[in-house]
Amino acid sequence: MYRKISADIVYPVSSEKIENGVVVLDEQGKILEVSEASKFDSSELEIYKGVIIPGMINTHCHLELSHMYNKIPTGTGLLAFIGNVVKDRGADESFIQECIEKADKFMYENGIVAVGDISNKIDTFPVKRKSALKYYTFVENFDFLQKENAQSTFDMYKKVFDDMEENDHLRKSMSPHAPYSMSPELFKLVNSLNVQAGKTISIHNQETPPENELFLKGTGDFHEFFKSFNMSLEEFEAIGKPSIFYALQYLEPQHKTLFVHNTLTTVEDIQAAQKKLPQTYWATCPNANLYIENRLPNYQVFLDTNATVTIGTDSLTSNWQLSVLEEMKTILKYQSYINFEQVLQWATINGAKALSWDEELGSIEVGKNPGLVLIENIDDTTILTSNSTSRRIA
């Protein structure tokens, strides 16, 4: 039995919005038709008040940290935040699994259909294997610029990588953590495993002022941070440029590169990345940026450079919920020059392209199976309000 689902507005993303639109689905959720309600007898329709959008894509998450909800205070700054994560991460395994399952279910019910997820361990793999969500797992590497540890670090994370299979709803890559945590030797080892062109590689980028300071001048708070973990920066040499330029020396153009956070990224940084890496994406996680550093990216620089922006939630360690809708609301609240249709593209088709699921997800088009999400409690002009909610309806 086909479903014929209608709402006040349907946003296909790939085409103009449809007032009183209808989406016709087969039994598997594949889209057969997108049209107007006037073509149908109203008795045939499932009618909802609100707007229908395709399922949302969360391009940056740390699902394995779900058990740390509300454990770390806000506003500590990135370096203190990392230290607290390392210190407080331990927990009972059954509790960790319970929290991962709960977070996975929450994302599904609130309209997320695919997730780009950072993994340092195998904790999330049992849930991912049975989840209704698609997962692109980024097995994250870091030796904190200690080149003598590069091989042992790589070997450790390769065991995690090998434990995750690939299939229609599970993908994976080895990925670098951040410029300040990757020696050249470790970058090269990570690259050696990603031999298949077209992988997506994730890397945290320009999240805090000390990160750029370290690479520009060789000074700043990272020295004390490294010292607190009994590591040294004695052999580190500043490059006289922001941190992204260090990473660009080692990132490879045959892959898609997903830069994450980018709160300090400039037009010049974006242009340099897009020149070196033609398949570049920029994940923004605004609520996590506010949670940790109380700052947001300058989104205007991404608009000015025609950058492809995606949306992530980060983890429950650094966010109040794993909701792409809440990230959209935060962007629109603080950046009035951005409109709903722009952030909707970031939340859907851009994320689907970044994770290479755009043939199936990201837009409401005939032949796709993107999932359908209803946004309720809308405003006639701005669409989203502080009270807007999302739920999966197909």
Protein backbone atom coordinates (compact mmCIF):
# COMPACT_ATOMS: atom_id res chain seq x y z
CA MET A 1 0.00 0.00 0.00
CA TYR A 2 1.51 3.31 -1.08
CA ARG A 3 1.64 6.20 1.39
CA LYS A 4 0.65 9.67 0.20
CA ILE A 5 1.99 12.13 2.74
CA SER A 6 1.07 15.81 2.68
CA ALA A 7 1.91 18.92 4.69
CA ASP A 8 1.54 22.72 4.53
CA ILE A 9 4.88 22.89 2.72
CA VAL A 10 7.16 20.23 1.26
CA TYR A 11 10.82 21.20 0.86
CA PRO A 12 12.40 18.82 -1.67
CA VAL A 13 15.77 20.70 -1.33
CA SER A 14 16.63 19.79 -4.93
CA SER A 15 13.82 22.01 -6.22
CA GLU A 16 11.48 24.79 -5.10
CA LYS A 17 9.24 24.32 -2.09
CA ILE A 18 5.71 23.04 -2.74
CA GLU A 19 2.76 24.57 -0.89
CA ASN A 20 0.40 21.77 0.17
CA GLY A 21 2.79 19.28 -1.33
CA VAL A 22 2.46 15.51 -1.45
CA VAL A 23 5.15 12.83 -1.37
CA VAL A 24 4.14 9.36 -2.56
CA LEU A 25 6.17 6.46 -1.13
CA ASP A 26 6.21 2.73 -1.86
CA GLU A 27 6.32 0.07 0.87
CA GLN A 28 10.10 0.44 1.23
CA GLY A 29 9.96 4.24 1.57
CA LYS A 30 11.21 4.93 -1.97
CA ILE A 31 9.78 8.10 -3.51
CA LEU A 32 7.45 7.51 -6.45
CA GLU A 33 6.06 11.01 -6.93
CA VAL A 34 6.36 14.56 -5.58
CA SER A 35 3.47 16.85 -6.45
CA GLU A 36 0.62 19.04 -5.18
CA ALA A 37 -2.31 17.97 -3.01
CA SER A 38 -4.80 19.25 -5.57
CA LYS A 39 -4.01 16.21 -7.73
CA PHE A 40 -5.36 13.83 -5.08
CA ASP A 41 -8.58 13.10 -3.26
CA SER A 42 -8.01 14.31 0.32
CA SER A 43 -9.25 10.96 1.64
CA GLU A 44 -6.13 9.36 0.14
CA LEU A 45 -3.73 11.58 2.01
CA GLU A 46 -1.92 11.52 5.36
CA ILE A 47 -2.11 15.23 6.14
CA TYR A 48 0.22 16.94 8.61
CA LYS A 49 0.47 20.51 9.85
CA GLY A 50 3.99 21.80 9.39
CA VAL A 51 6.72 21.26 6.81
CA ILE A 52 8.18 18.07 5.39
CA ILE A 53 11.90 17.87 4.68
CA PRO A 54 14.19 14.97 3.76
CA GLY A 55 15.97 13.12 6.56
CA MET A 56 18.84 15.12 8.05
CA ILE A 57 22.55 14.23 7.97
CA ASN A 58 24.68 14.63 11.10
CA THR A 59 28.20 14.85 9.66
CA HIS A 60 30.08 15.06 12.97
CA CYS A 61 29.30 13.07 16.09
CA HIS A 62 31.18 11.24 18.85
CA LEU A 63 28.57 8.61 19.66
CA GLU A 64 30.97 6.70 21.92
CA LEU A 65 31.00 9.64 24.37
CA SER A 66 27.23 9.57 24.92
CA HIS A 67 27.70 8.36 28.50
CA MET A 68 29.42 11.65 29.37
CA TYR A 69 26.28 13.77 29.08
CA ASN A 70 26.36 16.66 31.55
CA LYS A 71 29.72 15.55 32.99
CA ILE A 72 31.87 18.44 31.76
CA PRO A 73 31.05 22.10 32.50
CA THR A 74 30.47 24.60 29.72
CA GLY A 75 32.84 27.40 28.73
CA THR A 76 36.10 25.72 29.74
CA GLY A 77 37.85 26.26 26.40
CA LEU A 78 39.02 23.43 24.18
CA LEU A 79 42.23 22.48 25.99
CA ALA A 80 40.59 22.11 29.39
CA PHE A 81 37.70 20.30 27.70
CA ILE A 82 40.03 17.70 26.16
CA GLY A 83 41.75 17.21 29.49
CA ASN A 84 38.42 16.63 31.21
CA VAL A 85 37.34 14.10 28.58
CA VAL A 86 40.54 12.11 29.07
CA LYS A 87 40.18 12.25 32.86
CA ASP A 88 36.46 11.42 33.12
CA ARG A 89 35.88 9.12 30.16
CA GLY A 90 35.88 5.81 32.04
CA ALA A 91 32.55 4.16 32.88
CA ASP A 92 30.88 0.78 33.26
CA GLU A 93 30.64 -0.95 29.87
CA SER A 94 26.94 -1.74 30.21
CA PHE A 95 26.21 1.92 30.96
CA ILE A 96 28.26 3.02 27.95
CA GLN A 97 26.27 0.69 25.69
CA GLU A 98 22.95 1.82 27.16
CA CYS A 99 23.81 5.47 26.46
CA ILE A 100 24.98 4.73 22.91
CA GLU A 101 21.73 2.90 22.15
CA LYS A 102 19.65 5.72 23.62
CA ALA A 103 21.52 8.36 21.58
CA ASP A 104 21.19 6.34 18.37
CA LYS A 105 17.42 6.00 18.92
CA PHE A 106 17.07 9.72 19.69
CA MET A 107 18.79 10.70 16.46
CA TYR A 108 16.57 8.38 14.42
CA GLU A 109 13.32 9.54 16.00
CA ASN A 110 14.24 13.22 15.60
CA GLY A 111 14.88 12.93 11.89
CA ILE A 112 18.53 12.06 11.36
CA VAL A 113 19.13 9.38 8.73
CA ALA A 114 22.94 9.23 8.47
CA VAL A 115 25.83 10.07 10.77
CA GLY A 116 29.52 10.80 10.32
CA ASP A 117 30.84 9.38 13.58
CA ILE A 118 34.26 9.61 15.21
CA SER A 119 35.49 6.39 16.81
CA ASN A 120 38.57 5.88 18.97
CA LYS A 121 37.28 2.53 20.24
CA ILE A 122 34.94 -0.24 19.10
CA ASP A 123 32.26 0.68 21.65
CA THR A 124 29.72 1.93 19.11
CA PHE A 125 30.10 -0.91 16.61
CA PRO A 126 27.46 -3.29 18.04
CA VAL A 127 24.82 -0.53 17.92
CA LYS A 128 25.87 0.61 14.44
CA ARG A 129 25.53 -2.90 13.04
CA LYS A 130 21.84 -3.08 13.99
CA SER A 131 20.92 0.61 13.72
CA ALA A 132 18.34 1.99 11.29
CA LEU A 133 20.79 4.85 10.66
CA LYS A 134 23.61 4.84 8.15
CA TYR A 135 27.03 5.43 9.73
CA TYR A 136 30.28 6.65 8.21
CA THR A 137 32.84 5.77 10.89
CA PHE A 138 35.97 7.90 11.07
CA VAL A 139 38.57 5.94 13.03
CA GLU A 140 40.50 8.79 14.54
CA ASN A 141 44.28 8.81 14.98
CA PHE A 142 46.43 11.06 17.14
CA ASP A 143 50.00 10.92 18.45
CA PHE A 144 50.13 14.59 19.53
CA LEU A 145 53.10 15.39 17.29
CA GLN A 146 55.22 12.70 19.02
CA LYS A 147 56.63 11.08 15.87
CA GLU A 148 58.26 8.25 17.82
CA ASN A 149 54.74 7.09 18.71
CA ALA A 150 53.36 7.23 15.17
CA GLN A 151 53.68 3.54 14.29
CA SER A 152 52.37 2.20 17.61
CA THR A 153 49.47 4.68 17.48
CA PHE A 154 48.60 3.66 13.94
CA ASP A 155 48.77 -0.04 14.82
CA MET A 156 46.41 0.51 17.76
CA TYR A 157 43.79 2.32 15.69
CA LYS A 158 44.13 -0.06 12.77
CA LYS A 159 42.77 -2.78 15.07
CA VAL A 160 39.70 -0.59 15.64
CA PHE A 161 39.44 0.06 11.90
CA ASP A 162 39.63 -3.64 11.04
CA ASP A 163 36.81 -4.46 13.48
CA MET A 164 34.25 -2.39 11.52
CA GLU A 165 32.92 -3.97 8.33
CA GLU A 166 31.57 -2.01 5.34
CA ASN A 167 28.19 -2.56 3.68
CA ASP A 168 25.19 -0.60 2.38
CA HIS A 169 24.75 1.33 5.62
CA LEU A 170 28.23 1.22 7.14
CA ARG A 171 31.30 2.99 5.72
CA LYS A 172 34.67 3.81 7.26
CA SER A 173 37.99 5.57 6.84
CA MET A 174 41.12 6.17 8.87
CA SER A 175 41.16 9.86 9.75
CA PRO A 176 43.47 12.36 11.45
CA HIS A 177 42.25 14.01 14.64
CA ALA A 178 43.54 17.59 14.24
CA PRO A 179 46.63 19.47 13.03
CA TYR A 180 48.01 19.81 16.57
CA SER A 181 47.74 16.07 17.24
CA MET A 182 49.23 14.55 14.07
CA SER A 183 52.92 14.10 13.33
CA PRO A 184 53.93 13.97 9.65
CA GLU A 185 54.76 10.31 10.16
CA LEU A 186 51.28 9.51 11.43
CA PHE A 187 49.66 11.46 8.60
CA LYS A 188 51.58 9.32 6.11
CA LEU A 189 50.57 6.07 7.81
CA VAL A 190 46.91 7.10 7.82
CA ASN A 191 47.15 7.96 4.13
CA SER A 192 48.68 4.57 3.38
CA LEU A 193 45.49 2.82 4.52
CA ASN A 194 43.08 5.07 2.61
CA VAL A 195 44.18 3.80 -0.79
CA GLN A 196 40.71 3.66 -2.32
CA ALA A 197 39.92 7.02 -3.94
CA GLY A 198 36.71 8.73 -2.90
CA LYS A 199 36.90 8.09 0.84
CA THR A 200 35.73 10.83 3.18
CA ILE A 201 38.37 11.99 5.65
CA SER A 202 37.42 13.97 8.75
CA ILE A 203 39.70 16.37 10.63
CA HIS A 204 39.00 18.83 13.46
CA ASN A 205 40.09 22.29 12.37
CA GLN A 206 40.77 25.73 13.86
CA GLU A 207 38.58 25.30 16.91
CA THR A 208 40.47 27.48 19.38
CA PRO A 209 42.88 30.48 19.20
CA PRO A 210 45.85 28.58 20.73
CA GLU A 211 45.72 26.15 17.76
CA ASN A 212 46.49 28.88 15.23
CA GLU A 213 49.00 30.51 17.58
CA LEU A 214 50.99 27.30 17.85
CA PHE A 215 51.44 27.03 14.10
CA LEU A 216 51.88 30.75 13.48
CA LYS A 217 54.38 31.50 16.25
CA GLY A 218 55.18 28.29 18.12
CA THR A 219 53.85 29.84 21.34
CA GLY A 220 50.72 29.67 23.45
CA ASP A 221 48.71 27.42 25.71
CA PHE A 222 49.44 24.18 23.86
CA HIS A 223 52.87 24.06 25.54
CA GLU A 224 51.29 23.70 28.98
CA PHE A 225 48.70 21.32 27.59
CA PHE A 226 51.37 18.98 26.22
CA LYS A 227 53.36 19.28 29.43
CA SER A 228 50.34 18.19 31.48
CA PHE A 229 50.41 14.88 29.57
CA ASN A 230 54.19 14.53 29.92
CA MET A 231 54.74 15.34 26.26
CA SER A 232 57.11 17.84 24.72
CA LEU A 233 56.94 20.36 21.91
CA GLU A 234 60.70 20.88 21.87
CA GLU A 235 61.08 19.58 18.32
CA PHE A 236 58.03 21.40 16.97
CA GLU A 237 58.70 24.15 14.44
CA ALA A 238 56.05 26.74 13.65
CA ILE A 239 55.22 27.16 9.96
CA GLY A 240 54.24 30.83 10.19
CA LYS A 241 50.73 30.10 8.91
CA PRO A 242 47.42 29.00 10.50
CA SER A 243 47.06 25.37 11.49
CA ILE A 244 45.04 24.33 8.43
CA PHE A 245 48.09 24.94 6.23
CA TYR A 246 50.01 22.29 8.17
CA ALA A 247 47.24 19.76 7.56
CA LEU A 248 47.02 20.69 3.87
CA GLN A 249 50.55 19.40 3.39
CA TYR A 250 49.34 15.86 4.08
CA LEU A 251 45.66 15.69 3.11
CA GLU A 252 45.08 14.09 -0.28
CA PRO A 253 42.93 15.47 -3.13
CA GLN A 254 41.54 12.09 -4.25
CA HIS A 255 39.40 11.99 -1.11
CA LYS A 256 36.59 14.13 0.23
CA THR A 257 37.87 16.15 3.20
CA LEU A 258 35.49 17.19 5.96
CA PHE A 259 36.94 19.99 8.08
CA VAL A 260 35.11 20.15 11.41
CA HIS A 261 34.27 23.17 13.63
CA ASN A 262 36.22 25.89 11.73
CA THR A 263 35.39 28.61 14.25
CA LEU A 264 38.47 30.64 13.29
CA THR A 265 38.59 29.80 9.59
CA THR A 266 39.02 32.72 7.17
CA VAL A 267 38.39 33.32 3.48
CA GLU A 268 42.09 32.75 2.81
CA ASP A 269 42.03 29.42 4.68
CA ILE A 270 38.98 28.23 2.74
CA GLN A 271 40.43 29.26 -0.61
CA ALA A 272 43.71 27.47 0.12
CA ALA A 273 41.89 24.29 1.14
CA GLN A 274 39.61 24.33 -1.88
CA LYS A 275 42.56 24.89 -4.22
CA LYS A 276 44.43 21.88 -2.83
CA LEU A 277 41.40 19.69 -2.15
CA PRO A 278 38.62 20.09 -4.72
CA GLN A 279 36.24 17.87 -2.71
CA THR A 280 36.19 19.98 0.45
CA TYR A 281 33.36 20.16 2.99
CA TRP A 282 33.03 22.26 6.16
CA ALA A 283 31.11 20.81 9.11
CA THR A 284 29.75 23.27 11.63
CA CYS A 285 28.65 22.24 15.13
CA PRO A 286 27.40 25.54 16.57
CA ASN A 287 25.98 24.29 19.87
CA ALA A 288 29.24 22.49 20.68
CA ASN A 289 31.22 25.61 19.76
CA LEU A 290 29.09 27.60 22.20
CA TYR A 291 29.32 24.86 24.83
CA ILE A 292 33.11 24.64 24.76
CA GLU A 293 34.46 28.04 23.67
CA ASN A 294 31.40 30.30 23.58
CA ARG A 295 32.14 31.31 20.00
CA LEU A 296 30.69 30.61 16.55
CA PRO A 297 32.27 30.57 13.11
CA ASN A 298 31.90 33.57 10.85
CA TYR A 299 29.48 31.93 8.43
CA GLN A 300 29.77 34.83 6.00
CA VAL A 301 33.22 33.63 4.92
CA PHE A 302 31.72 30.32 3.83
CA LEU A 303 28.99 32.07 1.85
CA ASP A 304 31.55 34.39 0.23
CA THR A 305 33.65 31.45 -0.98
CA ASN A 306 30.78 29.21 -2.11
CA ALA A 307 31.95 26.66 0.44
CA THR A 308 29.92 23.49 0.96
CA VAL A 309 28.81 23.59 4.60
CA THR A 310 27.38 20.64 6.51
CA ILE A 311 26.00 20.33 10.04
CA GLY A 312 27.11 18.16 12.95
CA THR A 313 26.14 17.82 16.59
CA ASP A 314 29.46 16.77 18.16
CA SER A 315 28.89 14.64 21.28
CA LEU A 316 26.72 14.66 24.37
CA THR A 317 29.89 15.65 26.21
CA SER A 318 29.76 19.01 24.45
CA ASN A 319 26.08 19.44 23.57
CA TRP A 320 22.69 19.36 25.20
CA GLN A 321 21.21 16.99 22.58
CA LEU A 322 22.08 15.27 19.29
CA SER A 323 19.63 17.18 17.12
CA VAL A 324 20.46 18.68 13.72
CA LEU A 325 17.28 20.78 13.99
CA GLU A 326 18.61 22.41 17.17
CA GLU A 327 21.88 23.22 15.34
CA MET A 328 19.86 24.84 12.54
CA LYS A 329 17.91 26.90 15.06
CA THR A 330 21.13 28.11 16.71
CA ILE A 331 22.62 29.22 13.38
CA LEU A 332 19.47 31.13 12.45
CA LYS A 333 19.21 32.69 15.91
CA TYR A 334 22.71 34.19 15.87
CA GLN A 335 23.26 34.75 12.14
CA SER A 336 20.26 36.65 10.80
CA TYR A 337 21.70 36.96 7.27
CA ILE A 338 21.26 33.19 6.77
CA ASN A 339 17.81 31.86 5.93
CA PHE A 340 16.02 28.57 6.52
CA GLU A 341 16.50 27.23 3.01
CA GLN A 342 20.28 27.72 3.25
CA VAL A 343 20.65 25.83 6.52
CA LEU A 344 18.25 23.17 5.25
CA GLN A 345 20.66 22.51 2.38
CA TRP A 346 23.53 22.31 4.87
CA ALA A 347 21.54 19.85 7.00
CA THR A 348 20.52 17.56 4.16
CA ILE A 349 21.99 17.34 0.65
CA ASN A 350 25.39 18.83 1.55
CA GLY A 351 25.86 16.27 4.32
CA ALA A 352 24.68 13.46 2.06
CA LYS A 353 27.28 14.50 -0.53
CA ALA A 354 30.03 14.73 2.09
CA LEU A 355 29.34 11.14 3.18
CA SER A 356 28.70 9.92 -0.41
CA TRP A 357 25.08 8.96 0.25
CA ASP A 358 23.55 11.61 -2.00
CA GLU A 359 22.27 9.09 -4.56
CA GLU A 360 19.82 7.89 -1.91
CA LEU A 361 19.60 10.58 0.76
CA GLY A 362 19.52 14.35 1.15
CA SER A 363 16.62 15.44 -1.07
CA ILE A 364 13.03 14.49 -1.86
CA GLU A 365 13.33 13.19 -5.42
CA VAL A 366 11.75 10.33 -7.32
CA GLY A 367 13.83 7.17 -6.88
CA LYS A 368 15.45 8.22 -3.61
CA ASN A 369 14.74 6.85 -0.12
CA PRO A 370 15.78 9.80 2.07
CA GLY A 371 13.33 9.39 4.93
CA LEU A 372 10.76 12.10 5.60
CA VAL A 373 10.84 14.44 8.58
CA LEU A 374 8.04 16.65 9.84
CA ILE A 375 8.93 19.99 11.41
CA GLU A 376 6.09 21.25 13.60
CA ASN A 377 5.40 24.53 15.42
CA ILE A 378 6.56 26.65 12.51
CA ASP A 379 6.34 30.34 11.64
CA ASP A 380 4.83 31.41 8.31
CA THR A 381 7.87 33.52 7.37
CA THR A 382 10.99 32.26 9.14
CA ILE A 383 9.76 28.63 9.37
CA LEU A 384 11.78 27.74 12.46
CA THR A 385 10.92 29.08 15.90
CA SER A 386 12.38 28.33 19.30
CA ASN A 387 9.54 25.85 19.79
CA SER A 388 9.93 24.02 16.48
CA THR A 389 10.37 20.25 16.79
CA SER A 390 11.24 17.51 14.32
CA ARG A 391 10.12 13.90 14.11
CA ARG A 392 10.52 11.16 11.58
CA ILE A 393 7.30 10.22 9.76
CA ALA A 394 8.71 7.91 7.06
